[in-house]
């Protein structure tokens, strides 16, 4: 399954993140979890980024199936949390 996540699509410079999800059900805990941080304010890190803006933010997630011969992946829950 391919996930496309767009943050603040109406902003002048929207952020688009594409991820492929291929872990099957019951294949292990971490393999089944996809986590994306929208803000990392550690200035010393190469992963520093801030996709959020002041005010109301929007996140749009589009899920597209991929043609795999053994596709057993399902989305059972989706959560957005403040970290």
PDB file of N, CA and C in Angstrom:
ATOM      1  N   UNK A   1       0.847  -1.153   0.000  1.00  0.00           N
ATOM      2  CA  UNK A   1       0.000   0.000   0.000  1.00  0.00           C
ATOM      3  C   UNK A   1       0.903   1.229   0.000  1.00  0.00           C
ATOM      4  N   UNK A   2       0.531   2.209  -0.748  1.00  0.00           N
ATOM      5  CA  UNK A   2       1.281   3.453  -0.801  1.00  0.00           C
ATOM      6  C   UNK A   2       0.491   4.539  -0.094  1.00  0.00           C
ATOM      7  N   UNK A   3       1.153   5.238   0.822  1.00  0.00           N
ATOM      8  CA  UNK A   3       0.535   6.354   1.528  1.00  0.00           C
ATOM      9  C   UNK A   3       1.162   7.648   1.055  1.00  0.00           C
ATOM     10  N   UNK A   4       0.333   8.621   0.739  1.00  0.00           N
ATOM     11  CA  UNK A   4       0.807   9.956   0.419  1.00  0.00           C
ATOM     12  C   UNK A   4       0.210  10.896   1.456  1.00  0.00           C
ATOM     13  N   UNK A   5       1.080  11.574   2.186  1.00  0.00           N
ATOM     14  CA  UNK A   5       0.654  12.478   3.248  1.00  0.00           C
ATOM     15  C   UNK A   5       1.016  13.894   2.822  1.00  0.00           C
ATOM     16  N   UNK A   6       0.010  14.765   2.755  1.00  0.00           N
ATOM     17  CA  UNK A   6       0.232  16.160   2.378  1.00  0.00           C
ATOM     18  C   UNK A   6      -0.130  17.022   3.580  1.00  0.00           C
ATOM     19  N   UNK A   7       0.816  17.852   3.998  1.00  0.00           N
ATOM     20  CA  UNK A   7       0.621  18.738   5.144  1.00  0.00           C
ATOM     21  C   UNK A   7       0.419  20.153   4.626  1.00  0.00           C
ATOM     22  N   UNK A   8      -0.682  20.764   5.028  1.00  0.00           N
ATOM     23  CA  UNK A   8      -1.016  22.145   4.664  1.00  0.00           C
ATOM     24  C   UNK A   8      -1.037  22.339   3.150  1.00  0.00           C
ATOM     25  N   UNK A   9      -1.946  21.641   2.494  1.00  0.00           N
ATOM     26  CA  UNK A   9      -2.018  21.679   1.020  1.00  0.00           C
ATOM     27  C   UNK A   9      -2.353  23.063   0.475  1.00  0.00           C
ATOM     28  N   UNK A  10      -3.003  23.915   1.264  1.00  0.00           N
ATOM     29  CA  UNK A  10      -3.343  25.250   0.781  1.00  0.00           C
ATOM     30  C   UNK A  10      -2.237  26.275   1.051  1.00  0.00           C
ATOM     31  N   UNK A  11      -1.169  25.869   1.703  1.00  0.00           N
ATOM     32  CA  UNK A  11      -0.055  26.778   1.992  1.00  0.00           C
ATOM     33  C   UNK A  11       0.768  27.007   0.713  1.00  0.00           C
ATOM     34  N   UNK A  12       1.573  28.062   0.687  1.00  0.00           N
ATOM     35  CA  UNK A  12       2.404  28.319  -0.492  1.00  0.00           C
ATOM     36  C   UNK A  12       3.370  27.182  -0.816  1.00  0.00           C
ATOM     37  N   UNK A  13       3.902  26.529   0.203  1.00  0.00           N
ATOM     38  CA  UNK A  13       4.835  25.410   0.005  1.00  0.00           C
ATOM     39  C   UNK A  13       4.362  24.189   0.791  1.00  0.00           C
ATOM     40  N   UNK A  14       3.368  23.458   0.273  1.00  0.00           N
ATOM     41  CA  UNK A  14       2.901  22.283   1.019  1.00  0.00           C
ATOM     42  C   UNK A  14       3.962  21.188   1.052  1.00  0.00           C
ATOM     43  N   UNK A  15       3.920  20.372   2.092  1.00  0.00           N
ATOM     44  CA  UNK A  15       4.859  19.265   2.258  1.00  0.00           C
ATOM     45  C   UNK A  15       4.154  17.983   1.835  1.00  0.00           C
ATOM     46  N   UNK A  16       4.801  17.193   0.980  1.00  0.00           N
ATOM     47  CA  UNK A  16       4.245  15.918   0.544  1.00  0.00           C
ATOM     48  C   UNK A  16       5.231  14.810   0.910  1.00  0.00           C
ATOM     49  N   UNK A  17       4.726  13.797   1.628  1.00  0.00           N
ATOM     50  CA  UNK A  17       5.543  12.674   2.069  1.00  0.00           C
ATOM     51  C   UNK A  17       4.928  11.410   1.489  1.00  0.00           C
ATOM     52  N   UNK A  18       5.729  10.585   0.843  1.00  0.00           N
ATOM     53  CA  UNK A  18       5.248   9.317   0.304  1.00  0.00           C
ATOM     54  C   UNK A  18       5.937   8.170   1.020  1.00  0.00           C
ATOM     55  N   UNK A  19       5.148   7.196   1.451  1.00  0.00           N
ATOM     56  CA  UNK A  19       5.677   6.034   2.153  1.00  0.00           C
ATOM     57  C   UNK A  19       5.031   4.782   1.592  1.00  0.00           C
ATOM     58  N   UNK A  20       5.832   3.748   1.448  1.00  0.00           N
ATOM     59  CA  UNK A  20       5.313   2.446   1.082  1.00  0.00           C
ATOM     60  C   UNK A  20       5.158   1.608   2.328  1.00  0.00           C
ATOM     61  N   UNK A  21       4.028   0.960   2.471  1.00  0.00           N
ATOM     62  CA  UNK A  21       3.756   0.132   3.640  1.00  0.00           C
ATOM     63  C   UNK A  21       3.612  -1.301   3.144  1.00  0.00           C
ATOM     64  N   UNK A  22       4.489  -2.180   3.645  1.00  0.00           N
ATOM     65  CA  UNK A  22       4.472  -3.545   3.119  1.00  0.00           C
ATOM     66  C   UNK A  22       4.545  -4.620   4.198  1.00  0.00           C
ATOM     67  N   UNK A  23       4.403  -4.248   5.458  1.00  0.00           N
ATOM     68  CA  UNK A  23       4.458  -5.237   6.534  1.00  0.00           C
ATOM     69  C   UNK A  23       3.103  -5.922   6.666  1.00  0.00           C
ATOM     70  N   UNK A  24       3.095  -7.229   6.615  1.00  0.00           N
ATOM     71  CA  UNK A  24       1.855  -7.983   6.727  1.00  0.00           C
ATOM     72  C   UNK A  24       1.393  -8.065   8.168  1.00  0.00           C
ATOM     73  N   UNK A  25       0.141  -8.401   8.358  1.00  0.00           N
ATOM     74  CA  UNK A  25      -0.427  -8.576   9.685  1.00  0.00           C
ATOM     75  C   UNK A  25       0.328  -9.664  10.431  1.00  0.00           C
ATOM     76  N   UNK A  26       0.582  -9.438  11.713  1.00  0.00           N
ATOM     77  CA  UNK A  26       1.248 -10.387  12.614  1.00  0.00           C
ATOM     78  C   UNK A  26       2.701 -10.649  12.239  1.00  0.00           C
ATOM     79  N   UNK A  27       3.351  -9.696  11.607  1.00  0.00           N
ATOM     80  CA  UNK A  27       4.754  -9.853  11.237  1.00  0.00           C
ATOM     81  C   UNK A  27       5.686  -9.208  12.251  1.00  0.00           C
ATOM     82  N   UNK A  28       5.176  -8.780  13.372  1.00  0.00           N
ATOM     83  CA  UNK A  28       6.015  -8.148  14.393  1.00  0.00           C
ATOM     84  C   UNK A  28       5.544  -6.745  14.662  1.00  0.00           C
ATOM     85  N   UNK A  29       5.782  -6.275  15.868  1.00  0.00           N
ATOM     86  CA  UNK A  29       5.260  -4.984  16.304  1.00  0.00           C
ATOM     87  C   UNK A  29       5.740  -3.793  15.510  1.00  0.00           C
ATOM     88  N   UNK A  30       7.038  -3.581  15.402  1.00  0.00           N
ATOM     89  CA  UNK A  30       7.551  -2.387  14.730  1.00  0.00           C
ATOM     90  C   UNK A  30       7.351  -2.432  13.228  1.00  0.00           C
ATOM     91  N   UNK A  31       7.302  -3.604  12.651  1.00  0.00           N
ATOM     92  CA  UNK A  31       7.112  -3.691  11.202  1.00  0.00           C
ATOM     93  C   UNK A  31       5.730  -3.224  10.785  1.00  0.00           C
ATOM     94  N   UNK A  32       4.787  -3.263  11.695  1.00  0.00           N
ATOM     95  CA  UNK A  32       3.418  -2.891  11.370  1.00  0.00           C
ATOM     96  C   UNK A  32       3.086  -1.445  11.711  1.00  0.00           C
ATOM     97  N   UNK A  33       4.056  -0.673  12.205  1.00  0.00           N
ATOM     98  CA  UNK A  33       3.797   0.694  12.633  1.00  0.00           C
ATOM     99  C   UNK A  33       4.567   1.671  11.747  1.00  0.00           C
ATOM    100  N   UNK A  34       3.871   2.655  11.226  1.00  0.00           N
ATOM    101  CA  UNK A  34       4.494   3.727  10.457  1.00  0.00           C
ATOM    102  C   UNK A  34       4.296   5.013  11.248  1.00  0.00           C
ATOM    103  N   UNK A  35       5.377   5.658  11.612  1.00  0.00           N
ATOM    104  CA  UNK A  35       5.320   6.870  12.414  1.00  0.00           C
ATOM    105  C   UNK A  35       6.034   7.992  11.665  1.00  0.00           C
ATOM    106  N   UNK A  36       5.367   9.123  11.542  1.00  0.00           N
ATOM    107  CA  UNK A  36       5.946  10.278  10.848  1.00  0.00           C
ATOM    108  C   UNK A  36       5.840  11.487  11.766  1.00  0.00           C
ATOM    109  N   UNK A  37       6.970  12.093  12.074  1.00  0.00           N
ATOM    110  CA  UNK A  37       6.998  13.294  12.919  1.00  0.00           C
ATOM    111  C   UNK A  37       6.808  14.519  12.039  1.00  0.00           C
ATOM    112  N   UNK A  38       5.854  15.364  12.384  1.00  0.00           N
ATOM    113  CA  UNK A  38       5.615  16.584  11.624  1.00  0.00           C
ATOM    114  C   UNK A  38       6.459  17.750  12.127  1.00  0.00           C
ATOM    115  N   UNK A  39       7.063  17.551  13.287  1.00  0.00           N
ATOM    116  CA  UNK A  39       7.927  18.606  13.840  1.00  0.00           C
ATOM    117  C   UNK A  39       9.068  17.959  14.609  1.00  0.00           C
ATOM    118  N   UNK A  40      10.301  18.344  14.290  1.00  0.00           N
ATOM    119  CA  UNK A  40      11.489  17.930  15.035  1.00  0.00           C
ATOM    120  C   UNK A  40      12.352  19.171  15.198  1.00  0.00           C
ATOM    121  N   UNK A  41      12.345  19.737  16.381  1.00  0.00           N
ATOM    122  CA  UNK A  41      13.039  21.006  16.623  1.00  0.00           C
ATOM    123  C   UNK A  41      14.418  20.838  17.239  1.00  0.00           C
ATOM    124  N   UNK A  42      15.029  19.685  17.058  1.00  0.00           N
ATOM    125  CA  UNK A  42      16.407  19.465  17.506  1.00  0.00           C
ATOM    126  C   UNK A  42      17.336  20.072  16.450  1.00  0.00           C
ATOM    127  N   UNK A  43      17.800  21.297  16.709  1.00  0.00           N
ATOM    128  CA  UNK A  43      18.592  22.034  15.715  1.00  0.00           C
ATOM    129  C   UNK A  43      19.892  21.329  15.338  1.00  0.00           C
ATOM    130  N   UNK A  44      20.423  20.490  16.208  1.00  0.00           N
ATOM    131  CA  UNK A  44      21.678  19.785  15.934  1.00  0.00           C
ATOM    132  C   UNK A  44      21.471  18.544  15.066  1.00  0.00           C
ATOM    133  N   UNK A  45      20.249  18.140  14.852  1.00  0.00           N
ATOM    134  CA  UNK A  45      19.952  16.917  14.110  1.00  0.00           C
ATOM    135  C   UNK A  45      19.837  17.190  12.612  1.00  0.00           C
ATOM    136  N   UNK A  46      20.251  16.222  11.809  1.00  0.00           N
ATOM    137  CA  UNK A  46      20.047  16.327  10.357  1.00  0.00           C
ATOM    138  C   UNK A  46      18.576  16.120  10.015  1.00  0.00           C
ATOM    139  N   UNK A  47      17.805  15.618  10.977  1.00  0.00           N
ATOM    140  CA  UNK A  47      16.372  15.396  10.791  1.00  0.00           C
ATOM    141  C   UNK A  47      15.536  16.612  11.228  1.00  0.00           C
ATOM    142  N   UNK A  48      16.183  17.768  11.464  1.00  0.00           N
ATOM    143  CA  UNK A  48      15.449  18.965  11.872  1.00  0.00           C
ATOM    144  C   UNK A  48      14.462  19.354  10.779  1.00  0.00           C
ATOM    145  N   UNK A  49      13.207  19.551  11.154  1.00  0.00           N
ATOM    146  CA  UNK A  49      12.186  20.033  10.222  1.00  0.00           C
ATOM    147  C   UNK A  49      10.978  20.503  11.019  1.00  0.00           C
ATOM    148  N   UNK A  50      10.201  21.330  10.411  1.00  0.00           N
ATOM    149  CA  UNK A  50       8.955  21.804  11.003  1.00  0.00           C
ATOM    150  C   UNK A  50       7.941  21.971   9.883  1.00  0.00           C
ATOM    151  N   UNK A  51       7.088  20.974   9.720  1.00  0.00           N
ATOM    152  CA  UNK A  51       6.082  20.992   8.658  1.00  0.00           C
ATOM    153  C   UNK A  51       4.827  21.749   9.078  1.00  0.00           C
ATOM    154  N   UNK A  52       4.736  22.119  10.358  1.00  0.00           N
ATOM    155  CA  UNK A  52       3.543  22.773  10.868  1.00  0.00           C
ATOM    156  C   UNK A  52       3.695  24.284  10.822  1.00  0.00           C
ATOM    157  N   UNK A  53       2.570  24.969  10.707  1.00  0.00           N
ATOM    158  CA  UNK A  53       2.576  26.422  10.681  1.00  0.00           C
ATOM    159  C   UNK A  53       1.709  26.946  11.811  1.00  0.00           C
ATOM    160  N   UNK A  54       1.856  28.218  12.122  1.00  0.00           N
ATOM    161  CA  UNK A  54       1.062  28.838  13.170  1.00  0.00           C
ATOM    162  C   UNK A  54      -0.395  28.849  12.735  1.00  0.00           C
ATOM    163  N   UNK A  55      -1.281  28.436  13.605  1.00  0.00           N
ATOM    164  CA  UNK A  55      -2.704  28.417  13.280  1.00  0.00           C
ATOM    165  C   UNK A  55      -3.187  27.015  12.955  1.00  0.00           C
ATOM    166  N   UNK A  56      -4.199  26.940  12.136  1.00  0.00           N
ATOM    167  CA  UNK A  56      -4.825  25.669  11.784  1.00  0.00           C
ATOM    168  C   UNK A  56      -4.013  24.950  10.711  1.00  0.00           C
ATOM    169  N   UNK A  57      -3.654  23.702  10.973  1.00  0.00           N
ATOM    170  CA  UNK A  57      -2.911  22.883  10.024  1.00  0.00           C
ATOM    171  C   UNK A  57      -3.827  21.805   9.471  1.00  0.00           C
ATOM    172  N   UNK A  58      -3.543  21.344   8.268  1.00  0.00           N
ATOM    173  CA  UNK A  58      -4.314  20.252   7.682  1.00  0.00           C
ATOM    174  C   UNK A  58      -3.369  19.133   7.268  1.00  0.00           C
ATOM    175  N   UNK A  59      -3.835  17.905   7.439  1.00  0.00           N
ATOM    176  CA  UNK A  59      -3.086  16.727   7.024  1.00  0.00           C
ATOM    177  C   UNK A  59      -4.035  15.870   6.201  1.00  0.00           C
ATOM    178  N   UNK A  60      -3.654  15.593   4.956  1.00  0.00           N
ATOM    179  CA  UNK A  60      -4.458  14.758   4.070  1.00  0.00           C
ATOM    180  C   UNK A  60      -3.669  13.496   3.773  1.00  0.00           C
ATOM    181  N   UNK A  61      -4.279  12.339   4.024  1.00  0.00           N
ATOM    182  CA  UNK A  61      -3.625  11.054   3.789  1.00  0.00           C
ATOM    183  C   UNK A  61      -4.383  10.313   2.701  1.00  0.00           C
ATOM    184  N   UNK A  62      -3.682   9.964   1.634  1.00  0.00           N
ATOM    185  CA  UNK A  62      -4.266   9.203   0.541  1.00  0.00           C
ATOM    186  C   UNK A  62      -3.636   7.824   0.538  1.00  0.00           C
ATOM    187  N   UNK A  63      -4.480   6.788   0.517  1.00  0.00           N
ATOM    188  CA  UNK A  63      -4.007   5.407   0.501  1.00  0.00           C
ATOM    189  C   UNK A  63      -4.306   4.802  -0.864  1.00  0.00           C
ATOM    190  N   UNK A  64      -3.289   4.208  -1.475  1.00  0.00           N
ATOM    191  CA  UNK A  64      -3.451   3.587  -2.784  1.00  0.00           C
ATOM    192  C   UNK A  64      -2.947   2.148  -2.729  1.00  0.00           C
ATOM    193  N   UNK A  65      -3.726   1.209  -3.216  1.00  0.00           N
ATOM    194  CA  UNK A  65      -3.248  -0.183  -3.237  1.00  0.00           C
ATOM    195  C   UNK A  65      -2.156  -0.365  -4.283  1.00  0.00           C
ATOM    196  N   UNK A  66      -1.291  -1.327  -4.044  1.00  0.00           N
ATOM    197  CA  UNK A  66      -0.263  -1.684  -5.010  1.00  0.00           C
ATOM    198  C   UNK A  66      -0.490  -3.121  -5.439  1.00  0.00           C
ATOM    199  N   UNK A  67      -0.076  -3.458  -6.615  1.00  0.00           N
ATOM    200  CA  UNK A  67      -0.322  -4.797  -7.163  1.00  0.00           C
ATOM    201  C   UNK A  67       0.733  -5.778  -6.671  1.00  0.00           C
ATOM    202  N   UNK A  68       0.503  -6.339  -5.489  1.00  0.00           N
ATOM    203  CA  UNK A  68       1.376  -7.377  -4.960  1.00  0.00           C
ATOM    204  C   UNK A  68       0.646  -8.706  -5.061  1.00  0.00           C
ATOM    205  N   UNK A  69       1.387  -9.757  -5.241  1.00  0.00           N
ATOM    206  CA  UNK A  69       0.748 -11.060  -5.343  1.00  0.00           C
ATOM    207  C   UNK A  69       0.263 -11.562  -3.993  1.00  0.00           C
ATOM    208  N   UNK A  70       0.950 -11.196  -2.909  1.00  0.00           N
ATOM    209  CA  UNK A  70       0.566 -11.649  -1.579  1.00  0.00           C
ATOM    210  C   UNK A  70       0.325 -10.424  -0.703  1.00  0.00           C
ATOM    211  N   UNK A  71      -0.791  -9.760  -0.921  1.00  0.00           N
ATOM    212  CA  UNK A  71      -1.085  -8.527  -0.191  1.00  0.00           C
ATOM    213  C   UNK A  71      -2.039  -8.840   0.948  1.00  0.00           C
ATOM    214  N   UNK A  72      -1.551  -8.795   2.179  1.00  0.00           N
ATOM    215  CA  UNK A  72      -2.384  -9.057   3.330  1.00  0.00           C
ATOM    216  C   UNK A  72      -2.430  -7.883   4.284  1.00  0.00           C
ATOM    217  N   UNK A  73      -2.048  -6.696   3.824  1.00  0.00           N
ATOM    218  CA  UNK A  73      -1.970  -5.537   4.708  1.00  0.00           C
ATOM    219  C   UNK A  73      -3.328  -4.857   4.808  1.00  0.00           C
ATOM    220  N   UNK A  74      -3.692  -4.452   6.002  1.00  0.00           N
ATOM    221  CA  UNK A  74      -4.926  -3.714   6.234  1.00  0.00           C
ATOM    222  C   UNK A  74      -4.634  -2.572   7.183  1.00  0.00           C
ATOM    223  N   UNK A  75      -5.342  -1.460   7.000  1.00  0.00           N
ATOM    224  CA  UNK A  75      -5.251  -0.360   7.950  1.00  0.00           C
ATOM    225  C   UNK A  75      -6.343  -0.594   8.985  1.00  0.00           C
ATOM    226  N   UNK A  76      -5.943  -0.773  10.222  1.00  0.00           N
ATOM    227  CA  UNK A  76      -6.912  -1.005  11.289  1.00  0.00           C
ATOM    228  C   UNK A  76      -7.110   0.215  12.159  1.00  0.00           C
ATOM    229  N   UNK A  77      -6.115   1.084  12.195  1.00  0.00           N
ATOM    230  CA  UNK A  77      -6.245   2.281  13.021  1.00  0.00           C
ATOM    231  C   UNK A  77      -5.339   3.364  12.467  1.00  0.00           C
ATOM    232  N   UNK A  78      -5.764   4.588  12.650  1.00  0.00           N
ATOM    233  CA  UNK A  78      -4.982   5.748  12.251  1.00  0.00           C
ATOM    234  C   UNK A  78      -5.077   6.742  13.390  1.00  0.00           C
ATOM    235  N   UNK A  79      -3.929   7.242  13.826  1.00  0.00           N
ATOM    236  CA  UNK A  79      -3.905   8.119  14.981  1.00  0.00           C
ATOM    237  C   UNK A  79      -2.964   9.296  14.723  1.00  0.00           C
ATOM    238  N   UNK A  80      -3.386  10.463  15.127  1.00  0.00           N
ATOM    239  CA  UNK A  80      -2.528  11.642  15.083  1.00  0.00           C
ATOM    240  C   UNK A  80      -2.449  12.159  16.505  1.00  0.00           C
ATOM    241  N   UNK A  81      -1.238  12.197  17.060  1.00  0.00           N
ATOM    242  CA  UNK A  81      -1.053  12.578  18.455  1.00  0.00           C
ATOM    243  C   UNK A  81      -0.032  13.693  18.575  1.00  0.00           C
ATOM    244  N   UNK A  82      -0.157  14.468  19.611  1.00  0.00           N
ATOM    245  CA  UNK A  82       0.823  15.496  19.923  1.00  0.00           C
ATOM    246  C   UNK A  82       1.956  14.836  20.689  1.00  0.00           C
ATOM    247  N   UNK A  83       3.183  15.072  20.239  1.00  0.00           N
ATOM    248  CA  UNK A  83       4.321  14.460  20.940  1.00  0.00           C
ATOM    249  C   UNK A  83       5.133  15.503  21.668  1.00  0.00           C
TER     250      UNK A  83
END
